N, C-alpha and C. Protein backbone atom coordinates (compact mmCIF):
# COMPACT_ATOMS: atom_id res chain seq x y z
N MET A 1 6.93 -0.62 -16.29
CA MET A 1 7.88 -0.58 -15.08
C MET A 1 9.12 -0.89 -15.34
N SER A 2 10.01 -0.04 -14.80
CA SER A 2 11.54 -0.03 -15.14
C SER A 2 12.05 -1.50 -14.60
N ARG A 3 12.82 -2.08 -15.35
CA ARG A 3 13.38 -3.40 -14.95
C ARG A 3 14.81 -3.13 -14.56
N HIS A 4 15.39 -2.09 -14.66
CA HIS A 4 16.87 -1.78 -14.15
C HIS A 4 16.78 -1.30 -12.90
N MET A 5 17.60 -1.71 -11.99
CA MET A 5 17.89 -1.12 -10.68
C MET A 5 16.81 -1.43 -9.77
N ILE A 6 15.77 -2.60 -9.90
CA ILE A 6 14.69 -2.61 -8.94
C ILE A 6 15.31 -3.05 -7.65
N LYS A 7 14.51 -2.20 -6.76
CA LYS A 7 15.07 -2.64 -5.31
C LYS A 7 13.69 -3.03 -4.50
N ARG A 8 13.80 -3.74 -3.47
CA ARG A 8 12.81 -4.32 -2.65
C ARG A 8 12.65 -3.24 -1.48
N THR A 9 11.38 -3.14 -0.81
CA THR A 9 11.43 -2.34 0.21
C THR A 9 10.19 -2.84 1.11
N THR A 10 10.11 -2.42 2.23
CA THR A 10 8.85 -2.79 2.98
C THR A 10 8.23 -1.40 3.24
N VAL A 11 6.87 -1.40 3.17
CA VAL A 11 5.97 -0.19 3.50
C VAL A 11 4.93 -0.62 4.50
N ARG A 12 4.68 0.17 5.34
CA ARG A 12 3.68 0.13 6.38
C ARG A 12 2.59 1.01 6.00
N LEU A 13 1.58 0.33 5.85
CA LEU A 13 0.25 1.02 5.37
C LEU A 13 -0.94 0.60 6.34
N PRO A 14 -2.02 1.54 6.50
CA PRO A 14 -3.09 1.10 7.29
C PRO A 14 -3.82 -0.04 6.60
N ALA A 15 -4.45 -0.98 7.25
CA ALA A 15 -4.96 -2.17 6.58
C ALA A 15 -5.91 -1.93 5.68
N GLU A 16 -6.90 -0.86 5.93
CA GLU A 16 -7.89 -0.50 4.94
C GLU A 16 -7.34 0.01 3.94
N LEU A 17 -6.35 0.72 3.98
CA LEU A 17 -5.82 1.34 2.55
C LEU A 17 -5.17 0.16 1.70
N LEU A 18 -4.41 -0.76 2.38
CA LEU A 18 -4.04 -1.89 1.87
C LEU A 18 -4.89 -2.67 0.96
N LYS A 19 -6.07 -2.93 1.68
CA LYS A 19 -7.29 -3.74 1.24
C LYS A 19 -7.80 -2.95 -0.05
N LYS A 20 -7.94 -1.68 -0.14
CA LYS A 20 -8.54 -1.07 -1.23
C LYS A 20 -7.42 -1.21 -2.19
N ALA A 21 -6.31 -0.91 -2.07
CA ALA A 21 -5.32 -0.79 -3.16
C ALA A 21 -5.20 -2.38 -3.63
N GLN A 22 -5.18 -3.39 -2.88
CA GLN A 22 -5.39 -4.73 -3.52
C GLN A 22 -6.57 -4.97 -4.35
N ARG A 23 -7.74 -4.54 -4.01
CA ARG A 23 -8.91 -4.67 -4.62
C ARG A 23 -8.84 -3.94 -6.06
N LYS A 24 -8.41 -2.69 -5.98
CA LYS A 24 -8.25 -1.94 -7.09
C LYS A 24 -7.23 -2.44 -8.11
N ALA A 25 -6.12 -2.95 -7.65
CA ALA A 25 -5.22 -3.59 -8.61
C ALA A 25 -5.81 -4.98 -9.14
N ALA A 26 -6.54 -5.61 -8.32
CA ALA A 26 -7.07 -6.83 -8.94
C ALA A 26 -8.03 -6.58 -9.98
N ALA A 27 -9.00 -5.39 -9.69
CA ALA A 27 -9.98 -5.04 -10.54
C ALA A 27 -9.40 -4.72 -11.96
N GLU A 28 -8.19 -4.12 -11.76
CA GLU A 28 -7.70 -3.52 -13.07
C GLU A 28 -6.60 -4.42 -13.69
N GLY A 29 -6.71 -5.67 -13.06
CA GLY A 29 -5.70 -6.89 -13.71
C GLY A 29 -4.38 -6.53 -13.66
N ARG A 30 -3.92 -6.02 -12.66
CA ARG A 30 -2.37 -5.54 -12.41
C ARG A 30 -1.93 -6.01 -11.05
N THR A 31 -0.69 -5.76 -10.80
CA THR A 31 -0.19 -6.21 -9.66
C THR A 31 -0.20 -4.94 -8.62
N LEU A 32 -0.20 -5.31 -7.41
CA LEU A 32 -0.09 -4.11 -6.37
C LEU A 32 1.28 -3.29 -6.51
N THR A 33 2.28 -3.93 -6.75
CA THR A 33 3.41 -3.26 -7.15
C THR A 33 3.29 -2.24 -8.17
N GLY A 34 2.71 -2.56 -9.29
CA GLY A 34 2.43 -1.66 -10.47
C GLY A 34 1.57 -0.67 -10.00
N LEU A 35 0.68 -0.83 -9.24
CA LEU A 35 -0.15 0.38 -8.72
C LEU A 35 0.49 1.26 -7.95
N MET A 36 1.37 0.71 -6.83
CA MET A 36 2.03 1.56 -6.11
C MET A 36 3.05 2.27 -6.83
N GLU A 37 3.73 1.71 -7.88
CA GLU A 37 4.72 2.37 -8.56
C GLU A 37 4.02 3.64 -9.49
N GLU A 38 3.01 3.50 -9.92
CA GLU A 38 2.35 4.50 -10.71
C GLU A 38 1.89 5.56 -9.84
N GLY A 39 1.54 5.31 -8.65
CA GLY A 39 1.14 6.45 -7.59
C GLY A 39 2.29 7.19 -7.27
N LEU A 40 3.32 6.50 -6.86
CA LEU A 40 4.50 7.03 -6.51
C LEU A 40 5.03 8.08 -7.55
N ARG A 41 5.11 7.48 -8.97
CA ARG A 41 5.60 8.25 -10.15
C ARG A 41 4.69 9.59 -10.15
N TYR A 42 3.45 9.37 -9.82
CA TYR A 42 2.56 10.59 -10.07
C TYR A 42 2.97 11.52 -9.10
N VAL A 43 3.06 11.07 -7.80
CA VAL A 43 3.36 12.02 -6.68
C VAL A 43 4.77 12.83 -6.74
N VAL A 44 5.72 12.23 -7.30
CA VAL A 44 7.06 12.66 -7.24
C VAL A 44 7.16 13.25 -8.69
N SER A 45 6.32 13.34 -9.64
CA SER A 45 6.50 13.89 -11.01
C SER A 45 6.77 15.33 -10.90
N ASP A 46 7.51 16.06 -11.86
CA ASP A 46 7.49 17.39 -11.66
C ASP A 46 6.42 18.33 -12.25
N LYS A 47 5.42 17.61 -12.88
CA LYS A 47 4.39 18.30 -13.59
C LYS A 47 3.53 19.09 -12.60
N PRO A 48 3.28 20.33 -12.82
CA PRO A 48 2.35 20.96 -11.71
C PRO A 48 0.93 20.32 -11.73
N ALA A 49 0.36 20.27 -10.45
CA ALA A 49 -0.89 19.59 -10.37
C ALA A 49 -1.90 20.32 -11.09
N GLU A 50 -2.76 19.81 -11.67
CA GLU A 50 -3.96 20.57 -12.11
C GLU A 50 -5.03 20.99 -11.11
N LYS A 51 -5.15 22.27 -10.98
CA LYS A 51 -6.07 22.89 -10.19
C LYS A 51 -7.34 22.61 -10.62
N ALA A 52 -8.39 22.38 -9.74
CA ALA A 52 -9.81 22.32 -10.09
C ALA A 52 -10.30 23.93 -10.25
N VAL A 53 -11.00 23.97 -11.50
CA VAL A 53 -11.78 25.25 -11.51
C VAL A 53 -13.01 25.31 -10.81
N ARG A 54 -13.17 26.37 -9.97
CA ARG A 54 -14.21 26.32 -9.21
C ARG A 54 -15.32 27.36 -9.84
N PRO A 55 -16.59 27.13 -9.90
CA PRO A 55 -17.54 27.96 -10.60
C PRO A 55 -17.64 29.31 -9.80
N PRO A 56 -18.08 30.51 -10.15
CA PRO A 56 -18.19 31.57 -9.45
C PRO A 56 -19.49 31.40 -8.63
N ILE A 57 -19.42 31.90 -7.38
CA ILE A 57 -20.60 31.94 -6.44
C ILE A 57 -21.51 33.02 -6.93
N PRO A 58 -22.60 32.51 -7.06
CA PRO A 58 -23.85 33.57 -7.56
C PRO A 58 -23.99 34.48 -6.36
N VAL A 59 -23.95 35.77 -6.60
CA VAL A 59 -24.38 36.68 -5.51
C VAL A 59 -25.66 37.65 -6.05
N SER A 60 -26.63 37.68 -5.26
CA SER A 60 -27.74 38.37 -5.72
C SER A 60 -27.43 39.90 -5.52
N LYS A 61 -27.99 40.49 -6.73
CA LYS A 61 -27.82 41.93 -6.86
C LYS A 61 -28.91 42.73 -6.21
N GLU A 62 -29.93 42.01 -5.51
CA GLU A 62 -31.24 42.69 -5.07
C GLU A 62 -30.83 43.21 -3.67
N GLY A 63 -31.37 44.23 -3.49
CA GLY A 63 -31.20 45.10 -2.03
C GLY A 63 -32.27 44.65 -1.34
N GLY A 64 -32.16 45.35 -0.09
CA GLY A 64 -33.62 45.20 0.96
C GLY A 64 -33.05 44.44 2.01
N GLY A 65 -34.07 44.23 2.90
CA GLY A 65 -34.05 43.57 4.09
C GLY A 65 -33.07 44.05 5.14
N GLU A 66 -33.29 44.18 6.15
CA GLU A 66 -32.38 44.70 7.34
C GLU A 66 -31.42 43.82 7.69
N ILE A 67 -30.30 43.97 8.04
CA ILE A 67 -29.24 43.09 8.52
C ILE A 67 -29.35 43.17 10.13
N LEU A 68 -29.67 42.15 10.74
CA LEU A 68 -29.84 41.81 12.12
C LEU A 68 -28.53 41.22 12.71
N SER A 69 -28.34 41.93 14.18
CA SER A 69 -27.16 41.37 14.73
C SER A 69 -27.34 39.92 15.23
N PHE A 70 -26.25 39.35 15.65
CA PHE A 70 -26.46 37.98 16.26
C PHE A 70 -27.31 37.91 17.43
N LYS A 71 -27.14 38.96 18.15
CA LYS A 71 -28.18 39.15 19.45
C LYS A 71 -29.72 39.15 19.01
N GLU A 72 -29.91 39.86 17.98
CA GLU A 72 -31.16 40.17 17.31
C GLU A 72 -31.82 38.81 16.86
N LEU A 73 -31.05 38.08 16.00
CA LEU A 73 -31.41 36.79 15.48
C LEU A 73 -31.45 35.79 16.56
N GLN A 74 -30.83 35.81 17.74
CA GLN A 74 -31.14 34.89 18.78
C GLN A 74 -32.36 35.19 19.42
N GLU A 75 -32.70 36.44 19.63
CA GLU A 75 -34.07 36.83 19.98
C GLU A 75 -35.24 36.30 19.29
N LEU A 76 -35.01 36.44 17.93
CA LEU A 76 -36.14 35.89 17.05
C LEU A 76 -36.30 34.56 17.26
N GLU A 77 -35.22 33.90 17.33
CA GLU A 77 -35.20 32.35 17.37
C GLU A 77 -35.81 31.90 18.79
N ASP A 78 -35.49 32.68 19.81
CA ASP A 78 -36.01 32.46 21.03
C ASP A 78 -37.48 32.63 21.06
N ARG A 79 -38.06 33.75 20.31
CA ARG A 79 -39.38 34.06 20.42
C ARG A 79 -40.22 32.96 19.62
N ASP A 80 -39.56 32.47 18.59
CA ASP A 80 -40.23 31.56 17.76
C ASP A 80 -40.24 30.30 18.46
N TYR A 81 -39.37 29.86 19.16
CA TYR A 81 -39.35 28.62 20.06
C TYR A 81 -40.60 28.64 21.15
N ILE A 82 -40.46 29.93 21.70
CA ILE A 82 -41.66 29.93 22.61
C ILE A 82 -42.93 29.86 22.06
N GLU A 83 -43.23 30.38 21.06
CA GLU A 83 -44.54 30.46 20.29
C GLU A 83 -44.84 28.93 19.94
N ARG A 84 -43.66 28.15 19.52
CA ARG A 84 -43.97 26.77 18.97
C ARG A 84 -44.26 25.88 20.23
N MET A 85 -43.80 26.06 21.42
CA MET A 85 -44.02 25.48 22.76
C MET A 85 -45.27 25.74 23.02
N ASN A 86 -45.97 27.10 23.02
CA ASN A 86 -47.29 27.19 23.42
C ASN A 86 -48.12 26.71 22.52
N ARG A 87 -47.97 26.30 21.17
CA ARG A 87 -48.81 25.65 20.27
C ARG A 87 -48.48 24.24 20.50
N GLY A 88 -47.80 23.64 21.13
CA GLY A 88 -47.40 22.19 21.17
C GLY A 88 -46.42 21.85 19.95
N PHE A 89 -45.58 22.62 19.60
CA PHE A 89 -44.62 22.42 18.45
C PHE A 89 -45.44 21.67 17.03
N LYS A 90 -46.58 22.41 17.01
CA LYS A 90 -47.36 22.14 15.76
C LYS A 90 -46.94 22.94 14.60
C-alpha cells in the first residue's frame, strides 16, 4: 500500500457486501482497507481484461427429422396432455 498522500473517505456499501468483504479480509489476514485498495487498483488499471475463452458449441452434422412450426409443436403437446389425462397421468 502506498504510504504517501493517503486520503480518508467514506464509502456506502450494501450491508451484505461489506460483511463478505470483512470476512474475506479476515480470512486472508489483511485489512479491509488493503482489500478495497487492491480491488480499486484492479478496476482502474490500464491492463485489458482477460476474456474467457468459450469452447465451441457442438453442432450435429446429422440430417433428418422434419422441422415443426410452433403451432404444430403446441398441438402435439396438447394431444400428449389429453392422452395423459385419459390415462390418469400415468
